């Protein structure tokens, strides 16, 4: 079953290649959606995938790339949106 979630990541997540690493992870996990920086220092995005892939992807968000320091992850299920791939906004 395909699910769609919105996520917000808090911590040291800007300036550490978080968006690029998230895109690479999404591409590896067959996740569609997008990711972007917010003005308050957080990163947010939408991810759509089969449940197993989405679970692996969201578990990765709690770690992030090597130089990130993730302090909080908020993930909520949202109404399904379809995307052609995963993009950095």
C-alpha atoms as a PDB file:
ATOM      1  CA  UNK A   1       0.000   0.000   0.000  1.00  0.00           C
ATOM      2  CA  UNK A   2       1.316   3.441  -0.937  1.00  0.00           C
ATOM      3  CA  UNK A   3       1.366   6.053   1.823  1.00  0.00           C
ATOM      4  CA  UNK A   4       2.133   9.755   1.895  1.00  0.00           C
ATOM      5  CA  UNK A   5       3.725  11.656   4.800  1.00  0.00           C
ATOM      6  CA  UNK A   6       4.843  15.174   5.633  1.00  0.00           C
ATOM      7  CA  UNK A   7       8.037  15.434   7.683  1.00  0.00           C
ATOM      8  CA  UNK A   8       9.820  18.198   9.564  1.00  0.00           C
ATOM      9  CA  UNK A   9      13.374  17.768  10.837  1.00  0.00           C
ATOM     10  CA  UNK A  10      14.808  19.918  13.643  1.00  0.00           C
ATOM     11  CA  UNK A  11      18.445  20.237  14.724  1.00  0.00           C
ATOM     12  CA  UNK A  12      21.615  21.054  12.836  1.00  0.00           C
ATOM     13  CA  UNK A  13      20.124  20.161   9.474  1.00  0.00           C
ATOM     14  CA  UNK A  14      20.980  23.095   7.227  1.00  0.00           C
ATOM     15  CA  UNK A  15      24.426  23.549   5.738  1.00  0.00           C
ATOM     16  CA  UNK A  16      25.242  19.850   6.197  1.00  0.00           C
ATOM     17  CA  UNK A  17      23.968  18.523   2.827  1.00  0.00           C
ATOM     18  CA  UNK A  18      20.743  17.273   4.429  1.00  0.00           C
ATOM     19  CA  UNK A  19      18.585  17.988   1.377  1.00  0.00           C
ATOM     20  CA  UNK A  20      20.991  16.357  -1.082  1.00  0.00           C
ATOM     21  CA  UNK A  21      21.448  13.317   1.158  1.00  0.00           C
ATOM     22  CA  UNK A  22      17.666  13.076   1.565  1.00  0.00           C
ATOM     23  CA  UNK A  23      17.224  13.070  -2.217  1.00  0.00           C
ATOM     24  CA  UNK A  24      19.859  10.349  -2.621  1.00  0.00           C
ATOM     25  CA  UNK A  25      18.192   8.266   0.086  1.00  0.00           C
ATOM     26  CA  UNK A  26      14.776   8.792  -1.508  1.00  0.00           C
ATOM     27  CA  UNK A  27      16.084   7.719  -4.909  1.00  0.00           C
ATOM     28  CA  UNK A  28      17.568   4.548  -3.384  1.00  0.00           C
ATOM     29  CA  UNK A  29      14.302   3.734  -1.569  1.00  0.00           C
ATOM     30  CA  UNK A  30      11.968   4.518  -4.524  1.00  0.00           C
ATOM     31  CA  UNK A  31      10.433   7.396  -2.600  1.00  0.00           C
ATOM     32  CA  UNK A  32       8.786  10.294  -4.433  1.00  0.00           C
ATOM     33  CA  UNK A  33       8.189  13.794  -3.113  1.00  0.00           C
ATOM     34  CA  UNK A  34      10.281  16.806  -2.189  1.00  0.00           C
ATOM     35  CA  UNK A  35      12.478  18.391   0.488  1.00  0.00           C
ATOM     36  CA  UNK A  36      13.331  22.026   1.294  1.00  0.00           C
ATOM     37  CA  UNK A  37      14.922  24.273   3.919  1.00  0.00           C
ATOM     38  CA  UNK A  38      12.683  26.433   6.077  1.00  0.00           C
ATOM     39  CA  UNK A  39      13.542  29.946   7.262  1.00  0.00           C
ATOM     40  CA  UNK A  40      13.552  28.788  10.905  1.00  0.00           C
ATOM     41  CA  UNK A  41      16.446  26.351  10.329  1.00  0.00           C
ATOM     42  CA  UNK A  42      14.330  23.222   9.921  1.00  0.00           C
ATOM     43  CA  UNK A  43      14.019  20.960   6.898  1.00  0.00           C
ATOM     44  CA  UNK A  44      10.616  19.831   5.667  1.00  0.00           C
ATOM     45  CA  UNK A  45       9.328  17.582   2.953  1.00  0.00           C
ATOM     46  CA  UNK A  46       6.767  15.169   1.626  1.00  0.00           C
ATOM     47  CA  UNK A  47       7.476  11.511   0.942  1.00  0.00           C
ATOM     48  CA  UNK A  48       5.323   8.996  -0.943  1.00  0.00           C
ATOM     49  CA  UNK A  49       6.167   5.299  -1.246  1.00  0.00           C
ATOM     50  CA  UNK A  50       5.162   1.750  -0.491  1.00  0.00           C
ATOM     51  CA  UNK A  51       4.929   1.246   3.278  1.00  0.00           C
ATOM     52  CA  UNK A  52       8.192  -0.750   3.620  1.00  0.00           C
ATOM     53  CA  UNK A  53      10.205   1.803   1.617  1.00  0.00           C
ATOM     54  CA  UNK A  54       8.613   4.703   3.462  1.00  0.00           C
ATOM     55  CA  UNK A  55       9.467   3.115   6.813  1.00  0.00           C
ATOM     56  CA  UNK A  56      13.136   2.712   5.826  1.00  0.00           C
ATOM     57  CA  UNK A  57      13.235   6.274   4.513  1.00  0.00           C
ATOM     58  CA  UNK A  58      11.699   7.810   7.647  1.00  0.00           C
ATOM     59  CA  UNK A  59      14.038   5.783   9.879  1.00  0.00           C
ATOM     60  CA  UNK A  60      16.948   7.324   7.945  1.00  0.00           C
ATOM     61  CA  UNK A  61      15.551  10.825   8.632  1.00  0.00           C
ATOM     62  CA  UNK A  62      16.220  10.287  12.356  1.00  0.00           C
ATOM     63  CA  UNK A  63      19.949   9.921  11.555  1.00  0.00           C
ATOM     64  CA  UNK A  64      20.394  12.103   8.486  1.00  0.00           C
ATOM     65  CA  UNK A  65      23.737  12.597   6.752  1.00  0.00           C
ATOM     66  CA  UNK A  66      27.081  12.371   8.522  1.00  0.00           C
ATOM     67  CA  UNK A  67      27.411  15.986   9.699  1.00  0.00           C
ATOM     68  CA  UNK A  68      23.763  16.516  10.693  1.00  0.00           C
ATOM     69  CA  UNK A  69      22.602  16.495  14.294  1.00  0.00           C
ATOM     70  CA  UNK A  70      18.928  15.585  14.257  1.00  0.00           C
ATOM     71  CA  UNK A  71      17.158  16.533  17.485  1.00  0.00           C
ATOM     72  CA  UNK A  72      13.526  16.024  16.468  1.00  0.00           C
ATOM     73  CA  UNK A  73      11.562  14.424  13.642  1.00  0.00           C
ATOM     74  CA  UNK A  74       7.843  15.021  13.128  1.00  0.00           C
ATOM     75  CA  UNK A  75       6.126  12.730  10.631  1.00  0.00           C
ATOM     76  CA  UNK A  76       2.395  12.851   9.928  1.00  0.00           C
ATOM     77  CA  UNK A  77       0.412  10.913   7.371  1.00  0.00           C
ATOM     78  CA  UNK A  78      -1.246  13.143   4.771  1.00  0.00           C
ATOM     79  CA  UNK A  79      -3.627  12.761   1.869  1.00  0.00           C
ATOM     80  CA  UNK A  80      -1.982  11.070  -1.108  1.00  0.00           C
ATOM     81  CA  UNK A  81      -0.222  13.307  -3.627  1.00  0.00           C
ATOM     82  CA  UNK A  82       1.600  11.917  -6.644  1.00  0.00           C
ATOM     83  CA  UNK A  83       4.990  13.106  -7.855  1.00  0.00           C
ATOM     84  CA  UNK A  84       7.198  12.042 -10.775  1.00  0.00           C
ATOM     85  CA  UNK A  85      10.302  11.707  -8.618  1.00  0.00           C
ATOM     86  CA  UNK A  86      11.989  13.304  -5.620  1.00  0.00           C
ATOM     87  CA  UNK A  87      13.148  16.915  -5.859  1.00  0.00           C
ATOM     88  CA  UNK A  88      14.979  19.501  -3.815  1.00  0.00           C
ATOM     89  CA  UNK A  89      13.012  22.717  -3.613  1.00  0.00           C
END
